[in-house]
Amino acid sequence: MRRYICFLIIMTILLSGCTKDDTKEDESISKYHELNVAIMDNDLNKVTAILSKNDKLINKIDTKLGYSPFLYAMNSKKEIIDYLINQGADIHHTSYSGNSALLEAADMVNPYAIKLLLKEGLDPNSTNIYQETPLILMAGRGGVPTDLMVELAGLLIDAGADPNVKNGEGFTFLSKIEQVQPEETISSIRDLLKKRL
């Protein structure tokens, strides 16, 4: 009987320790999710409040997609991006599918992020597991004003992006533009490529 009571006491201690750790982990996951939602909502006050309480969340990785808060920020405003960098965000992290911050910024057609990341030296020819480049991802976005598409494509090409690279489906930057974009954009991109290549 005495052994059984000792066993129960030890198990109770061990299990209560596990419960506390699990609770802490659950709280951490909850705060991490809350941080990413605040980032995507462009809520700088909330982002600041969350990170001031737990600065370890800055480079925490989403276990499903491999995204960091900085990757989620590629559709955010300048203030959020700058704040995360100032707090120590890893700008070189890539998701499980190989998306870098520059690929995400191009996919979201975020001019500020694209310019910043090129200035920081991120590879304009980086690819993900689908062999998508920043140029090809950007080309696939509908509704982008022609002048913005031309400006950002020019920046990427000037930084060394190769518009002739094919993705996993066989599309180049121009062939993706021709598939998705309106005639005005297609014509302007053709003109850009003639001038730059």
N, C-alpha and C. Protein backbone atom coordinates (compact mmCIF):
# COMPACT_ATOMS: atom_id res chain seq x y z
N MET A 1 0.82 -1.20 0.00
CA MET A 1 0.00 0.00 0.00
C MET A 1 0.86 1.25 0.00
N ARG A 2 1.94 1.20 0.80
CA ARG A 2 2.83 2.34 0.89
C ARG A 2 3.46 2.66 -0.47
N ARG A 3 3.86 1.62 -1.18
CA ARG A 3 4.45 1.81 -2.51
C ARG A 3 3.44 2.45 -3.46
N TYR A 4 2.22 2.02 -3.37
CA TYR A 4 1.17 2.54 -4.23
C TYR A 4 0.95 4.03 -3.96
N ILE A 5 0.94 4.42 -2.69
CA ILE A 5 0.77 5.83 -2.32
C ILE A 5 1.95 6.65 -2.83
N CYS A 6 3.17 6.12 -2.66
CA CYS A 6 4.36 6.81 -3.19
C CYS A 6 4.26 6.97 -4.70
N PHE A 7 3.82 5.89 -5.35
CA PHE A 7 3.65 5.94 -6.81
C PHE A 7 2.65 7.03 -7.20
N LEU A 8 1.53 7.10 -6.49
CA LEU A 8 0.52 8.12 -6.79
C LEU A 8 1.05 9.53 -6.56
N ILE A 9 1.81 9.71 -5.51
CA ILE A 9 2.38 11.03 -5.22
C ILE A 9 3.35 11.43 -6.32
N ILE A 10 4.23 10.51 -6.70
CA ILE A 10 5.20 10.80 -7.76
C ILE A 10 4.49 11.10 -9.08
N MET A 11 3.51 10.31 -9.43
CA MET A 11 2.76 10.53 -10.67
C MET A 11 2.03 11.87 -10.64
N THR A 12 1.46 12.21 -9.50
CA THR A 12 0.77 13.49 -9.37
C THR A 12 1.74 14.64 -9.58
N ILE A 13 2.92 14.55 -9.00
CA ILE A 13 3.94 15.59 -9.16
C ILE A 13 4.36 15.68 -10.63
N LEU A 14 4.65 14.54 -11.22
CA LEU A 14 5.08 14.53 -12.62
C LEU A 14 4.00 15.08 -13.55
N LEU A 15 2.78 14.63 -13.35
CA LEU A 15 1.70 15.07 -14.22
C LEU A 15 1.38 16.54 -14.02
N SER A 16 1.46 17.02 -12.80
CA SER A 16 1.19 18.44 -12.60
C SER A 16 2.28 19.28 -13.25
N GLY A 17 3.50 18.79 -13.26
CA GLY A 17 4.57 19.49 -13.98
C GLY A 17 4.30 19.53 -15.46
N CYS A 18 3.82 18.41 -16.02
CA CYS A 18 3.49 18.35 -17.45
C CYS A 18 2.36 19.31 -17.77
N THR A 19 1.39 19.36 -16.91
CA THR A 19 0.25 20.24 -17.16
C THR A 19 0.69 21.69 -17.18
N LYS A 20 1.56 22.07 -16.26
CA LYS A 20 2.04 23.45 -16.25
C LYS A 20 2.80 23.76 -17.52
N ASP A 21 3.67 22.86 -17.96
CA ASP A 21 4.42 23.08 -19.20
C ASP A 21 3.48 23.14 -20.39
N ASP A 22 2.50 22.23 -20.42
CA ASP A 22 1.54 22.24 -21.52
C ASP A 22 0.78 23.55 -21.55
N THR A 23 0.39 24.04 -20.38
CA THR A 23 -0.33 25.30 -20.29
C THR A 23 0.54 26.44 -20.81
N LYS A 24 1.81 26.43 -20.41
CA LYS A 24 2.72 27.47 -20.90
C LYS A 24 2.87 27.38 -22.41
N GLU A 25 2.99 26.16 -22.92
CA GLU A 25 3.11 25.97 -24.37
C GLU A 25 1.84 26.43 -25.08
N ASP A 26 0.67 26.08 -24.51
CA ASP A 26 -0.59 26.52 -25.10
C ASP A 26 -0.69 28.04 -25.11
N GLU A 27 -0.26 28.68 -24.01
CA GLU A 27 -0.27 30.14 -23.94
C GLU A 27 0.67 30.73 -24.99
N SER A 28 1.84 30.12 -25.15
CA SER A 28 2.81 30.59 -26.13
C SER A 28 2.24 30.48 -27.55
N ILE A 29 1.61 29.36 -27.85
CA ILE A 29 1.00 29.17 -29.17
C ILE A 29 -0.11 30.18 -29.39
N SER A 30 -0.91 30.40 -28.36
CA SER A 30 -2.00 31.36 -28.45
C SER A 30 -1.47 32.77 -28.71
N LYS A 31 -0.43 33.16 -27.98
CA LYS A 31 0.17 34.49 -28.16
C LYS A 31 0.82 34.61 -29.54
N TYR A 32 1.43 33.52 -30.00
CA TYR A 32 2.04 33.51 -31.33
C TYR A 32 0.97 33.73 -32.40
N HIS A 33 -0.15 33.01 -32.27
CA HIS A 33 -1.25 33.19 -33.21
C HIS A 33 -1.78 34.62 -33.14
N GLU A 34 -1.93 35.13 -31.93
CA GLU A 34 -2.41 36.50 -31.73
C GLU A 34 -1.45 37.51 -32.38
N LEU A 35 -0.14 37.26 -32.25
CA LEU A 35 0.86 38.13 -32.87
C LEU A 35 0.70 38.14 -34.39
N ASN A 36 0.57 36.97 -34.99
CA ASN A 36 0.45 36.90 -36.45
C ASN A 36 -0.83 37.56 -36.95
N VAL A 37 -1.92 37.41 -36.21
CA VAL A 37 -3.16 38.08 -36.58
C VAL A 37 -2.98 39.59 -36.50
N ALA A 38 -2.34 40.07 -35.45
CA ALA A 38 -2.08 41.51 -35.30
C ALA A 38 -1.20 42.02 -36.45
N ILE A 39 -0.22 41.24 -36.85
CA ILE A 39 0.65 41.62 -37.97
C ILE A 39 -0.17 41.73 -39.25
N MET A 40 -0.97 40.72 -39.52
CA MET A 40 -1.77 40.73 -40.75
C MET A 40 -2.86 41.80 -40.73
N ASP A 41 -3.28 42.21 -39.52
CA ASP A 41 -4.26 43.29 -39.38
C ASP A 41 -3.59 44.67 -39.37
N ASN A 42 -2.27 44.70 -39.48
CA ASN A 42 -1.51 45.96 -39.43
C ASN A 42 -1.75 46.73 -38.14
N ASP A 43 -1.85 46.01 -37.03
CA ASP A 43 -2.10 46.62 -35.73
C ASP A 43 -0.78 46.73 -34.96
N LEU A 44 -0.05 47.81 -35.21
CA LEU A 44 1.27 48.00 -34.60
C LEU A 44 1.19 48.04 -33.08
N ASN A 45 0.16 48.67 -32.52
CA ASN A 45 0.04 48.73 -31.06
C ASN A 45 -0.06 47.33 -30.45
N LYS A 46 -0.85 46.48 -31.07
CA LYS A 46 -1.01 45.12 -30.55
C LYS A 46 0.27 44.32 -30.73
N VAL A 47 0.93 44.47 -31.89
CA VAL A 47 2.20 43.78 -32.14
C VAL A 47 3.22 44.18 -31.08
N THR A 48 3.31 45.47 -30.82
CA THR A 48 4.25 45.99 -29.82
C THR A 48 3.93 45.43 -28.43
N ALA A 49 2.65 45.43 -28.08
CA ALA A 49 2.24 44.94 -26.76
C ALA A 49 2.58 43.45 -26.60
N ILE A 50 2.33 42.65 -27.61
CA ILE A 50 2.60 41.21 -27.52
C ILE A 50 4.09 40.94 -27.41
N LEU A 51 4.88 41.60 -28.27
CA LEU A 51 6.32 41.35 -28.25
C LEU A 51 7.00 41.93 -27.01
N SER A 52 6.42 42.97 -26.43
CA SER A 52 7.02 43.52 -25.20
C SER A 52 6.87 42.54 -24.03
N LYS A 53 5.86 41.69 -24.10
CA LYS A 53 5.65 40.68 -23.05
C LYS A 53 6.39 39.38 -23.32
N ASN A 54 6.67 39.09 -24.61
CA ASN A 54 7.36 37.85 -24.96
C ASN A 54 8.15 38.05 -26.24
N ASP A 55 9.38 38.54 -26.09
CA ASP A 55 10.20 38.84 -27.27
C ASP A 55 10.68 37.59 -28.00
N LYS A 56 10.52 36.42 -27.39
CA LYS A 56 10.94 35.17 -28.05
C LYS A 56 10.01 34.81 -29.21
N LEU A 57 8.86 35.43 -29.28
CA LEU A 57 7.92 35.15 -30.37
C LEU A 57 8.39 35.73 -31.70
N ILE A 58 9.35 36.65 -31.68
CA ILE A 58 9.76 37.37 -32.89
C ILE A 58 10.19 36.43 -34.01
N ASN A 59 10.85 35.33 -33.67
CA ASN A 59 11.30 34.38 -34.69
C ASN A 59 10.70 32.98 -34.52
N LYS A 60 9.59 32.91 -33.79
CA LYS A 60 8.91 31.62 -33.62
C LYS A 60 8.35 31.18 -34.97
N ILE A 61 8.41 29.89 -35.22
CA ILE A 61 8.02 29.35 -36.51
C ILE A 61 6.67 28.63 -36.41
N ASP A 62 5.79 28.93 -37.33
CA ASP A 62 4.50 28.25 -37.46
C ASP A 62 4.78 26.80 -37.83
N THR A 63 4.30 25.86 -37.04
CA THR A 63 4.63 24.45 -37.27
C THR A 63 3.93 23.86 -38.49
N LYS A 64 2.88 24.48 -38.97
CA LYS A 64 2.18 23.94 -40.14
C LYS A 64 2.84 24.39 -41.45
N LEU A 65 3.17 25.66 -41.56
CA LEU A 65 3.68 26.21 -42.81
C LEU A 65 5.16 26.60 -42.75
N GLY A 66 5.67 26.72 -41.54
CA GLY A 66 7.06 27.15 -41.40
C GLY A 66 7.22 28.65 -41.53
N TYR A 67 6.14 29.39 -41.32
CA TYR A 67 6.21 30.84 -41.44
C TYR A 67 6.63 31.46 -40.11
N SER A 68 7.40 32.51 -40.21
CA SER A 68 7.76 33.33 -39.06
C SER A 68 6.87 34.57 -39.09
N PRO A 69 6.82 35.32 -37.99
CA PRO A 69 6.06 36.57 -38.02
C PRO A 69 6.50 37.50 -39.15
N PHE A 70 7.81 37.51 -39.45
CA PHE A 70 8.29 38.39 -40.52
C PHE A 70 7.72 37.98 -41.88
N LEU A 71 7.60 36.69 -42.14
CA LEU A 71 7.00 36.27 -43.41
C LEU A 71 5.53 36.70 -43.48
N TYR A 72 4.83 36.59 -42.35
CA TYR A 72 3.44 37.06 -42.33
C TYR A 72 3.35 38.56 -42.57
N ALA A 73 4.39 39.29 -42.24
CA ALA A 73 4.39 40.75 -42.35
C ALA A 73 4.58 41.25 -43.78
N MET A 74 4.82 40.38 -44.72
CA MET A 74 5.10 40.84 -46.08
C MET A 74 3.89 41.43 -46.78
N ASN A 75 2.75 41.37 -46.16
CA ASN A 75 1.56 42.06 -46.67
C ASN A 75 1.18 43.21 -45.74
N SER A 76 2.12 43.61 -44.89
CA SER A 76 1.85 44.64 -43.89
C SER A 76 2.44 45.98 -44.30
N LYS A 77 2.11 46.97 -43.51
CA LYS A 77 2.63 48.32 -43.73
C LYS A 77 4.08 48.42 -43.29
N LYS A 78 4.71 49.46 -43.77
CA LYS A 78 6.12 49.76 -43.48
C LYS A 78 6.41 49.72 -41.98
N GLU A 79 5.55 50.31 -41.18
CA GLU A 79 5.79 50.42 -39.74
C GLU A 79 5.91 49.05 -39.07
N ILE A 80 5.08 48.12 -39.49
CA ILE A 80 5.13 46.76 -38.92
C ILE A 80 6.43 46.09 -39.33
N ILE A 81 6.77 46.18 -40.61
CA ILE A 81 8.00 45.55 -41.12
C ILE A 81 9.22 46.12 -40.41
N ASP A 82 9.29 47.44 -40.33
CA ASP A 82 10.44 48.08 -39.67
C ASP A 82 10.52 47.70 -38.19
N TYR A 83 9.38 47.67 -37.52
CA TYR A 83 9.37 47.31 -36.11
C TYR A 83 9.89 45.90 -35.90
N LEU A 84 9.44 44.96 -36.73
CA LEU A 84 9.89 43.57 -36.59
C LEU A 84 11.40 43.45 -36.83
N ILE A 85 11.90 44.16 -37.82
CA ILE A 85 13.35 44.14 -38.07
C ILE A 85 14.10 44.71 -36.87
N ASN A 86 13.61 45.82 -36.35
CA ASN A 86 14.26 46.44 -35.18
C ASN A 86 14.21 45.55 -33.95
N GLN A 87 13.24 44.66 -33.89
CA GLN A 87 13.13 43.73 -32.76
C GLN A 87 13.93 42.45 -32.97
N GLY A 88 14.61 42.34 -34.12
CA GLY A 88 15.47 41.19 -34.36
C GLY A 88 14.89 40.10 -35.24
N ALA A 89 13.88 40.43 -36.04
CA ALA A 89 13.30 39.43 -36.93
C ALA A 89 14.35 38.92 -37.92
N ASP A 90 14.31 37.63 -38.16
CA ASP A 90 15.22 37.00 -39.12
C ASP A 90 14.65 37.20 -40.52
N ILE A 91 15.27 38.11 -41.29
CA ILE A 91 14.76 38.41 -42.63
C ILE A 91 15.13 37.33 -43.64
N HIS A 92 16.00 36.41 -43.26
CA HIS A 92 16.47 35.36 -44.17
C HIS A 92 15.73 34.03 -43.99
N HIS A 93 14.80 33.97 -43.06
CA HIS A 93 14.06 32.72 -42.83
C HIS A 93 13.22 32.37 -44.05
N THR A 94 13.14 31.08 -44.37
CA THR A 94 12.25 30.62 -45.44
C THR A 94 11.24 29.62 -44.86
N SER A 95 10.07 29.60 -45.46
CA SER A 95 9.01 28.68 -45.02
C SER A 95 9.35 27.26 -45.45
N TYR A 96 8.54 26.33 -45.01
CA TYR A 96 8.75 24.93 -45.38
C TYR A 96 8.68 24.73 -46.89
N SER A 97 7.91 25.57 -47.58
CA SER A 97 7.82 25.46 -49.04
C SER A 97 8.89 26.28 -49.75
N GLY A 98 9.80 26.86 -48.97
CA GLY A 98 10.92 27.59 -49.55
C GLY A 98 10.65 29.05 -49.84
N ASN A 99 9.52 29.58 -49.37
CA ASN A 99 9.24 30.99 -49.59
C ASN A 99 10.09 31.86 -48.68
N SER A 100 10.88 32.72 -49.31
CA SER A 100 11.66 33.71 -48.57
C SER A 100 10.78 34.94 -48.37
N ALA A 101 11.27 35.88 -47.59
CA ALA A 101 10.54 37.13 -47.40
C ALA A 101 10.36 37.86 -48.73
N LEU A 102 11.38 37.80 -49.59
CA LEU A 102 11.28 38.47 -50.89
C LEU A 102 10.22 37.79 -51.77
N LEU A 103 10.15 36.48 -51.75
CA LEU A 103 9.09 35.79 -52.50
C LEU A 103 7.71 36.20 -51.98
N GLU A 104 7.57 36.26 -50.67
CA GLU A 104 6.28 36.66 -50.07
C GLU A 104 5.94 38.10 -50.43
N ALA A 105 6.94 39.00 -50.34
CA ALA A 105 6.71 40.41 -50.66
C ALA A 105 6.30 40.57 -52.12
N ALA A 106 6.94 39.82 -53.02
CA ALA A 106 6.59 39.88 -54.44
C ALA A 106 5.19 39.31 -54.66
N ASP A 107 4.86 38.23 -53.98
CA ASP A 107 3.54 37.63 -54.12
C ASP A 107 2.45 38.59 -53.63
N MET A 108 2.76 39.37 -52.61
CA MET A 108 1.81 40.34 -52.08
C MET A 108 1.92 41.70 -52.79
N VAL A 109 2.87 41.82 -53.69
CA VAL A 109 3.16 43.06 -54.42
C VAL A 109 3.28 44.22 -53.42
N ASN A 110 4.20 44.06 -52.48
CA ASN A 110 4.44 45.06 -51.44
C ASN A 110 5.68 45.86 -51.82
N PRO A 111 5.51 47.05 -52.40
CA PRO A 111 6.66 47.83 -52.88
C PRO A 111 7.70 48.12 -51.80
N TYR A 112 7.24 48.52 -50.62
CA TYR A 112 8.20 48.85 -49.56
C TYR A 112 9.03 47.64 -49.20
N ALA A 113 8.39 46.51 -48.99
CA ALA A 113 9.11 45.30 -48.59
C ALA A 113 10.07 44.84 -49.68
N ILE A 114 9.64 44.87 -50.93
CA ILE A 114 10.52 44.46 -52.03
C ILE A 114 11.76 45.33 -52.07
N LYS A 115 11.59 46.63 -52.01
CA LYS A 115 12.74 47.55 -52.05
C LYS A 115 13.67 47.32 -50.87
N LEU A 116 13.11 47.18 -49.68
CA LEU A 116 13.90 46.96 -48.47
C LEU A 116 14.69 45.66 -48.56
N LEU A 117 14.05 44.60 -48.97
CA LEU A 117 14.70 43.29 -49.00
C LEU A 117 15.77 43.22 -50.09
N LEU A 118 15.55 43.89 -51.20
CA LEU A 118 16.60 43.96 -52.23
C LEU A 118 17.80 44.74 -51.69
N LYS A 119 17.52 45.83 -50.99
CA LYS A 119 18.59 46.63 -50.38
C LYS A 119 19.37 45.80 -49.35
N GLU A 120 18.67 44.91 -48.65
CA GLU A 120 19.30 44.05 -47.65
C GLU A 120 20.03 42.86 -48.28
N GLY A 121 19.94 42.74 -49.60
CA GLY A 121 20.71 41.71 -50.31
C GLY A 121 20.03 40.37 -50.50
N LEU A 122 18.71 40.30 -50.31
CA LEU A 122 18.03 39.03 -50.56
C LEU A 122 18.08 38.71 -52.05
N ASP A 123 18.15 37.44 -52.35
CA ASP A 123 18.36 36.96 -53.72
C ASP A 123 17.11 37.16 -54.58
N PRO A 124 17.22 37.99 -55.65
CA PRO A 124 16.06 38.21 -56.52
C PRO A 124 15.72 37.00 -57.39
N ASN A 125 16.60 35.99 -57.38
CA ASN A 125 16.34 34.76 -58.13
C ASN A 125 16.01 33.58 -57.22
N SER A 126 15.71 33.87 -55.96
CA SER A 126 15.37 32.78 -55.04
C SER A 126 14.12 32.08 -55.54
N THR A 127 14.04 30.80 -55.25
CA THR A 127 12.87 30.02 -55.68
C THR A 127 12.34 29.21 -54.51
N ASN A 128 11.07 28.85 -54.62
CA ASN A 128 10.47 27.95 -53.65
C ASN A 128 10.41 26.55 -54.25
N ILE A 129 9.72 25.64 -53.60
CA ILE A 129 9.69 24.26 -54.09
C ILE A 129 8.96 24.12 -55.43
N TYR A 130 8.23 25.14 -55.81
CA TYR A 130 7.52 25.13 -57.09
C TYR A 130 8.32 25.86 -58.18
N GLN A 131 9.54 26.23 -57.84
CA GLN A 131 10.45 26.96 -58.73
C GLN A 131 9.90 28.34 -59.11
N GLU A 132 9.06 28.90 -58.24
CA GLU A 132 8.54 30.26 -58.45
C GLU A 132 9.61 31.25 -58.02
N THR A 133 9.82 32.27 -58.83
CA THR A 133 10.74 33.36 -58.48
C THR A 133 9.90 34.56 -58.04
N PRO A 134 10.53 35.59 -57.45
CA PRO A 134 9.76 36.79 -57.12
C PRO A 134 9.04 37.38 -58.35
N LEU A 135 9.73 37.42 -59.49
CA LEU A 135 9.09 37.96 -60.70
C LEU A 135 7.86 37.16 -61.10
N ILE A 136 7.98 35.85 -61.10
CA ILE A 136 6.86 35.00 -61.54
C ILE A 136 5.69 35.09 -60.56
N LEU A 137 5.97 35.11 -59.26
CA LEU A 137 4.88 35.25 -58.29
C LEU A 137 4.15 36.57 -58.46
N MET A 138 4.93 37.63 -58.66
CA MET A 138 4.33 38.95 -58.84
C MET A 138 3.50 38.99 -60.12
N ALA A 139 3.99 38.36 -61.18
CA ALA A 139 3.28 38.34 -62.46
C ALA A 139 1.91 37.68 -62.34
N GLY A 140 1.79 36.73 -61.43
CA GLY A 140 0.53 36.00 -61.25
C GLY A 140 -0.53 36.75 -60.47
N ARG A 141 -0.18 37.90 -59.92
CA ARG A 141 -1.14 38.68 -59.13
C ARG A 141 -2.00 39.55 -60.04
N GLY A 142 -3.27 39.34 -59.99
CA GLY A 142 -4.18 40.19 -60.76
C GLY A 142 -4.46 41.49 -60.04
N GLY A 143 -4.94 42.47 -60.78
CA GLY A 143 -5.35 43.74 -60.20
C GLY A 143 -4.24 44.69 -59.81
N VAL A 144 -3.01 44.40 -60.22
CA VAL A 144 -1.89 45.28 -59.90
C VAL A 144 -1.82 46.36 -60.97
N PRO A 145 -1.79 47.63 -60.57
CA PRO A 145 -1.68 48.70 -61.57
C PRO A 145 -0.43 48.51 -62.45
N THR A 146 -0.57 48.82 -63.72
CA THR A 146 0.52 48.62 -64.68
C THR A 146 1.79 49.31 -64.25
N ASP A 147 1.68 50.58 -63.84
CA ASP A 147 2.90 51.33 -63.47
C ASP A 147 3.61 50.69 -62.28
N LEU A 148 2.87 50.15 -61.33
CA LEU A 148 3.49 49.49 -60.18
C LEU A 148 4.16 48.18 -60.60
N MET A 149 3.51 47.40 -61.45
CA MET A 149 4.09 46.15 -61.94
C MET A 149 5.40 46.43 -62.68
N VAL A 150 5.39 47.44 -63.53
CA VAL A 150 6.59 47.79 -64.31
C VAL A 150 7.70 48.28 -63.38
N GLU A 151 7.35 49.14 -62.42
CA GLU A 151 8.36 49.66 -61.48
C GLU A 151 9.02 48.53 -60.69
N LEU A 152 8.22 47.65 -60.12
CA LEU A 152 8.77 46.58 -59.29
C LEU A 152 9.51 45.54 -60.11
N ALA A 153 9.02 45.23 -61.30
CA ALA A 153 9.74 44.31 -62.18
C ALA A 153 11.09 44.91 -62.55
N GLY A 154 11.11 46.20 -62.83
CA GLY A 154 12.37 46.87 -63.14
C GLY A 154 13.36 46.81 -61.99
N LEU A 155 12.86 47.02 -60.77
CA LEU A 155 13.73 46.93 -59.59
C LEU A 155 14.32 45.53 -59.44
N LEU A 156 13.48 44.53 -59.59
CA LEU A 156 13.95 43.15 -59.45
C LEU A 156 14.96 42.80 -60.54
N ILE A 157 14.68 43.20 -61.77
CA ILE A 157 15.60 42.91 -62.88
C ILE A 157 16.92 43.66 -62.68
N ASP A 158 16.84 44.91 -62.26
CA ASP A 158 18.07 45.68 -62.00
C ASP A 158 18.89 45.06 -60.87
N ALA A 159 18.22 44.38 -59.95
CA ALA A 159 18.92 43.72 -58.83
C ALA A 159 19.46 42.35 -59.24
N GLY A 160 19.20 41.94 -60.49
CA GLY A 160 19.75 40.68 -60.98
C GLY A 160 18.74 39.58 -61.24
N ALA A 161 17.46 39.86 -61.07
CA ALA A 161 16.44 38.83 -61.33
C ALA A 161 16.46 38.45 -62.81
N ASP A 162 16.43 37.17 -63.07
CA ASP A 162 16.44 36.66 -64.44
C ASP A 162 15.00 36.41 -64.89
N PRO A 163 14.48 37.21 -65.83
CA PRO A 163 13.10 37.03 -66.27
C PRO A 163 12.88 35.80 -67.15
N ASN A 164 13.96 35.14 -67.54
CA ASN A 164 13.85 33.97 -68.42
C ASN A 164 13.78 32.64 -67.67
N VAL A 165 13.90 32.68 -66.35
CA VAL A 165 13.81 31.45 -65.55
C VAL A 165 12.39 30.91 -65.66
N LYS A 166 12.27 29.58 -65.75
CA LYS A 166 10.95 28.95 -65.81
C LYS A 166 10.60 28.34 -64.46
N ASN A 167 9.33 28.47 -64.09
CA ASN A 167 8.88 27.82 -62.85
C ASN A 167 8.56 26.36 -63.12
N GLY A 168 8.05 25.67 -62.12
CA GLY A 168 7.75 24.25 -62.25
C GLY A 168 6.69 23.92 -63.30
N GLU A 169 5.88 24.90 -63.66
CA GLU A 169 4.85 24.70 -64.69
C GLU A 169 5.33 25.13 -66.07
N GLY A 170 6.57 25.63 -66.15
CA GLY A 170 7.13 26.05 -67.43
C GLY A 170 6.91 27.50 -67.79
N PHE A 171 6.36 28.30 -66.86
CA PHE A 171 6.13 29.71 -67.14
C PHE A 171 7.37 30.54 -66.82
N THR A 172 7.64 31.52 -67.68
CA THR A 172 8.63 32.55 -67.38
C THR A 172 7.85 33.75 -66.85
N PHE A 173 8.55 34.79 -66.47
CA PHE A 173 7.90 36.02 -66.03
C PHE A 173 6.96 36.54 -67.11
N LEU A 174 7.46 36.67 -68.34
CA LEU A 174 6.64 37.22 -69.42
C LEU A 174 5.46 36.30 -69.77
N SER A 175 5.69 35.00 -69.83
CA SER A 175 4.57 34.11 -70.19
C SER A 175 3.50 34.11 -69.10
N LYS A 176 3.90 34.30 -67.84
CA LYS A 176 2.91 34.40 -66.76
C LYS A 176 2.15 35.73 -66.87
N ILE A 177 2.88 36.80 -67.19
CA ILE A 177 2.24 38.11 -67.41
C ILE A 177 1.20 37.99 -68.53
N GLU A 178 1.60 37.33 -69.62
CA GLU A 178 0.71 37.19 -70.77
C GLU A 178 -0.53 36.36 -70.44
N GLN A 179 -0.40 35.46 -69.49
CA GLN A 179 -1.53 34.62 -69.11
C GLN A 179 -2.51 35.35 -68.19
N VAL A 180 -2.00 36.24 -67.34
CA VAL A 180 -2.81 36.78 -66.25
C VAL A 180 -3.15 38.26 -66.39
N GLN A 181 -2.25 39.05 -66.91
CA GLN A 181 -2.39 40.51 -66.85
C GLN A 181 -3.13 41.08 -68.06
N PRO A 182 -3.66 42.30 -67.91
CA PRO A 182 -4.34 42.97 -69.03
C PRO A 182 -3.33 43.39 -70.11
N GLU A 183 -3.83 43.69 -71.28
CA GLU A 183 -2.99 44.02 -72.43
C GLU A 183 -2.05 45.19 -72.15
N GLU A 184 -2.53 46.20 -71.44
CA GLU A 184 -1.68 47.36 -71.13
C GLU A 184 -0.43 46.93 -70.34
N THR A 185 -0.62 46.07 -69.37
CA THR A 185 0.51 45.59 -68.57
C THR A 185 1.43 44.72 -69.42
N ILE A 186 0.86 43.86 -70.23
CA ILE A 186 1.67 42.99 -71.10
C ILE A 186 2.56 43.84 -72.00
N SER A 187 1.98 44.84 -72.63
CA SER A 187 2.74 45.71 -73.54
C SER A 187 3.84 46.47 -72.79
N SER A 188 3.51 46.99 -71.62
CA SER A 188 4.50 47.74 -70.83
C SER A 188 5.64 46.85 -70.35
N ILE A 189 5.34 45.62 -69.98
CA ILE A 189 6.38 44.68 -69.53
C ILE A 189 7.26 44.28 -70.71
N ARG A 190 6.66 44.07 -71.88
CA ARG A 190 7.48 43.77 -73.07
C ARG A 190 8.46 44.91 -73.34
N ASP A 191 7.97 46.15 -73.24
CA ASP A 191 8.84 47.32 -73.45
C ASP A 191 9.96 47.35 -72.41
N LEU A 192 9.61 47.08 -71.17
CA LEU A 192 10.61 47.05 -70.10
C LEU A 192 11.69 46.01 -70.40
N LEU A 193 11.28 44.83 -70.79
CA LEU A 193 12.24 43.76 -71.05
C LEU A 193 13.14 44.10 -72.24
N LYS A 194 12.60 44.75 -73.25
CA LYS A 194 13.43 45.17 -74.40
C LYS A 194 14.51 46.15 -73.96
N LYS A 195 14.14 47.06 -73.07
CA LYS A 195 15.09 48.08 -72.60
C LYS A 195 16.14 47.50 -71.65
N ARG A 196 15.75 46.55 -70.82
CA ARG A 196 16.64 46.06 -69.77
C ARG A 196 17.48 44.86 -70.19
N LEU A 197 17.08 44.16 -71.24
CA LEU A 197 17.81 42.94 -71.60
C LEU A 197 18.61 43.09 -72.86
